[in-house]
């Protein structure tokens, strides 16, 4: 038996990754599964990560530290 902890947020079901992997493995045994993924936040994560280079500026650090 697989125990899964599900959280419902804004009409979506959230399942912890490890429990999801267990569920998938069990479903594969039956050979009756199709999985579609949609990572809605991938573009947001990429945009936020790329913006960190802006803050790595030695000249700007000196100006603001002396202000």
N, C-alpha and C. Protein backbone atom coordinates (compact mmCIF):
# COMPACT_ATOMS: atom_id res chain seq x y z
N UNK A 1 0.84 -1.18 0.00
CA UNK A 1 0.00 0.00 0.00
C UNK A 1 0.88 1.25 0.00
N UNK A 2 0.52 2.20 -0.82
CA UNK A 2 1.24 3.47 -0.90
C UNK A 2 0.39 4.53 -0.21
N UNK A 3 0.99 5.26 0.71
CA UNK A 3 0.29 6.36 1.39
C UNK A 3 0.78 7.66 0.77
N UNK A 4 -0.15 8.46 0.27
CA UNK A 4 0.19 9.70 -0.40
C UNK A 4 -0.46 10.87 0.32
N UNK A 5 0.32 11.91 0.56
CA UNK A 5 -0.17 13.13 1.20
C UNK A 5 -0.43 14.15 0.10
N UNK A 6 -1.70 14.48 -0.11
CA UNK A 6 -2.10 15.37 -1.19
C UNK A 6 -2.56 16.71 -0.60
N UNK A 7 -2.10 17.79 -1.22
CA UNK A 7 -2.53 19.13 -0.85
C UNK A 7 -3.23 19.75 -2.05
N UNK A 8 -4.38 20.34 -1.82
CA UNK A 8 -5.11 20.98 -2.91
C UNK A 8 -4.94 22.48 -2.80
N UNK A 9 -4.42 23.10 -3.86
CA UNK A 9 -4.21 24.55 -3.91
C UNK A 9 -4.73 25.06 -5.25
N UNK A 10 -5.64 25.99 -5.18
CA UNK A 10 -6.21 26.62 -6.38
C UNK A 10 -6.66 25.59 -7.41
N UNK A 11 -7.35 24.57 -6.96
CA UNK A 11 -7.87 23.55 -7.87
C UNK A 11 -6.85 22.58 -8.40
N UNK A 12 -5.64 22.60 -7.85
CA UNK A 12 -4.59 21.68 -8.29
C UNK A 12 -4.19 20.79 -7.13
N UNK A 13 -3.79 19.58 -7.44
CA UNK A 13 -3.37 18.63 -6.43
C UNK A 13 -1.85 18.60 -6.37
N UNK A 14 -1.30 18.78 -5.17
CA UNK A 14 0.14 18.78 -4.96
C UNK A 14 0.50 17.50 -4.22
N UNK A 15 1.42 16.72 -4.79
CA UNK A 15 1.88 15.46 -4.19
C UNK A 15 3.39 15.56 -4.00
N UNK A 16 3.89 15.20 -2.81
CA UNK A 16 5.34 15.22 -2.61
C UNK A 16 6.04 14.36 -3.66
N UNK A 17 7.22 14.80 -4.11
CA UNK A 17 7.93 14.16 -5.21
C UNK A 17 8.21 12.68 -4.94
N UNK A 18 8.70 12.36 -3.77
CA UNK A 18 9.05 10.97 -3.46
C UNK A 18 7.80 10.07 -3.51
N UNK A 19 6.69 10.57 -2.97
CA UNK A 19 5.45 9.80 -3.01
C UNK A 19 4.92 9.68 -4.43
N UNK A 20 5.10 10.72 -5.23
CA UNK A 20 4.68 10.67 -6.63
C UNK A 20 5.47 9.60 -7.38
N UNK A 21 6.78 9.53 -7.11
CA UNK A 21 7.61 8.52 -7.77
C UNK A 21 7.17 7.11 -7.40
N UNK A 22 6.80 6.91 -6.14
CA UNK A 22 6.29 5.61 -5.70
C UNK A 22 4.99 5.27 -6.42
N UNK A 23 4.13 6.26 -6.56
CA UNK A 23 2.86 6.07 -7.25
C UNK A 23 3.09 5.68 -8.71
N UNK A 24 4.03 6.35 -9.36
CA UNK A 24 4.35 6.06 -10.76
C UNK A 24 4.89 4.64 -10.91
N UNK A 25 5.79 4.25 -10.03
CA UNK A 25 6.36 2.90 -10.11
C UNK A 25 5.26 1.84 -9.96
N UNK A 26 4.34 2.08 -9.05
CA UNK A 26 3.23 1.13 -8.87
C UNK A 26 2.33 1.09 -10.10
N UNK A 27 2.08 2.25 -10.70
CA UNK A 27 1.24 2.32 -11.89
C UNK A 27 1.92 1.66 -13.09
N UNK A 28 3.25 1.77 -13.17
CA UNK A 28 3.98 1.15 -14.29
C UNK A 28 3.84 -0.36 -14.28
N UNK A 29 3.69 -0.93 -13.09
CA UNK A 29 3.53 -2.38 -13.00
C UNK A 29 2.29 -2.84 -13.74
N UNK A 30 1.24 -2.00 -13.76
CA UNK A 30 0.00 -2.34 -14.45
C UNK A 30 0.07 -2.02 -15.93
N UNK A 31 1.03 -1.18 -16.32
CA UNK A 31 1.17 -0.81 -17.72
C UNK A 31 0.06 0.08 -18.23
N UNK A 32 -0.64 0.75 -17.34
CA UNK A 32 -1.77 1.58 -17.74
C UNK A 32 -1.61 2.99 -17.18
N UNK A 33 -0.64 3.70 -17.70
CA UNK A 33 -0.44 5.06 -17.20
C UNK A 33 0.09 5.96 -18.30
N UNK A 34 -0.39 7.17 -18.31
CA UNK A 34 0.11 8.21 -19.20
C UNK A 34 0.30 9.46 -18.35
N UNK A 35 1.46 10.07 -18.44
CA UNK A 35 1.76 11.23 -17.61
C UNK A 35 2.08 12.42 -18.49
N UNK A 36 1.41 13.52 -18.22
CA UNK A 36 1.70 14.79 -18.89
C UNK A 36 2.16 15.75 -17.81
N UNK A 37 3.25 16.45 -18.07
CA UNK A 37 3.72 17.42 -17.09
C UNK A 37 3.63 18.82 -17.67
N UNK A 38 3.42 19.77 -16.77
CA UNK A 38 3.35 21.17 -17.16
C UNK A 38 3.99 21.97 -16.04
N UNK A 39 5.22 22.36 -16.22
CA UNK A 39 5.92 23.12 -15.21
C UNK A 39 5.62 24.60 -15.43
N UNK A 40 4.57 25.08 -14.77
CA UNK A 40 4.12 26.45 -14.99
C UNK A 40 5.12 27.49 -14.50
N UNK A 41 6.03 27.10 -13.63
CA UNK A 41 6.93 28.06 -13.02
C UNK A 41 8.33 28.05 -13.61
N UNK A 42 8.59 27.22 -14.60
CA UNK A 42 9.96 27.11 -15.13
C UNK A 42 10.43 28.45 -15.71
N UNK A 43 9.57 29.16 -16.43
CA UNK A 43 9.99 30.44 -16.99
C UNK A 43 10.22 31.48 -15.89
N UNK A 44 9.41 31.44 -14.85
CA UNK A 44 9.59 32.37 -13.73
C UNK A 44 10.88 32.08 -12.97
N UNK A 45 11.17 30.81 -12.76
CA UNK A 45 12.41 30.42 -12.08
C UNK A 45 13.63 30.83 -12.90
N UNK A 46 13.59 30.59 -14.19
CA UNK A 46 14.71 30.97 -15.06
C UNK A 46 14.91 32.48 -15.08
N UNK A 47 13.83 33.23 -15.12
CA UNK A 47 13.93 34.69 -15.14
C UNK A 47 14.51 35.22 -13.84
N UNK A 48 14.09 34.66 -12.73
CA UNK A 48 14.58 35.15 -11.44
C UNK A 48 16.05 34.77 -11.23
N UNK A 49 16.45 33.61 -11.69
CA UNK A 49 17.84 33.18 -11.52
C UNK A 49 18.78 34.00 -12.40
N UNK A 50 18.32 34.37 -13.59
CA UNK A 50 19.19 35.11 -14.50
C UNK A 50 19.41 36.55 -14.01
N UNK A 51 18.54 37.04 -13.15
CA UNK A 51 18.64 38.41 -12.67
C UNK A 51 19.67 38.63 -11.58
N UNK A 52 20.28 37.59 -11.06
CA UNK A 52 21.25 37.74 -9.97
C UNK A 52 22.55 38.40 -10.43
N UNK A 53 22.88 38.28 -11.69
CA UNK A 53 24.12 38.87 -12.19
C UNK A 53 24.12 40.39 -12.03
N UNK A 54 22.97 40.99 -12.06
CA UNK A 54 22.85 42.43 -11.90
C UNK A 54 23.43 42.88 -10.56
N UNK A 55 23.25 42.11 -9.52
CA UNK A 55 23.67 42.49 -8.18
C UNK A 55 25.16 42.26 -7.95
N UNK A 56 25.81 41.51 -8.82
CA UNK A 56 27.23 41.22 -8.66
C UNK A 56 28.03 42.28 -9.42
N UNK A 57 28.19 43.47 -8.79
CA UNK A 57 28.82 44.59 -9.45
C UNK A 57 29.70 45.32 -8.43
N UNK A 58 31.01 45.15 -8.54
CA UNK A 58 31.95 45.74 -7.57
C UNK A 58 31.89 47.26 -7.53
N UNK A 59 31.76 47.91 -8.69
CA UNK A 59 31.71 49.39 -8.73
C UNK A 59 30.46 49.88 -8.00
N UNK A 60 29.33 49.26 -8.28
CA UNK A 60 28.09 49.65 -7.62
C UNK A 60 28.17 49.43 -6.11
N UNK A 61 28.81 48.34 -5.70
CA UNK A 61 28.97 48.07 -4.27
C UNK A 61 29.77 49.19 -3.59
N UNK A 62 30.83 49.65 -4.23
CA UNK A 62 31.66 50.72 -3.65
C UNK A 62 30.87 52.02 -3.54
N UNK A 63 30.08 52.33 -4.57
CA UNK A 63 29.30 53.56 -4.56
C UNK A 63 28.27 53.52 -3.43
N UNK A 64 27.55 52.43 -3.33
CA UNK A 64 26.49 52.33 -2.32
C UNK A 64 27.08 52.21 -0.91
N UNK A 65 28.22 51.58 -0.77
CA UNK A 65 28.84 51.47 0.57
C UNK A 65 29.33 52.82 1.07
N UNK A 66 29.67 53.73 0.16
CA UNK A 66 30.16 55.05 0.55
C UNK A 66 29.04 56.10 0.61
N UNK A 67 27.84 55.72 0.26
CA UNK A 67 26.71 56.69 0.23
C UNK A 67 26.22 57.01 1.64
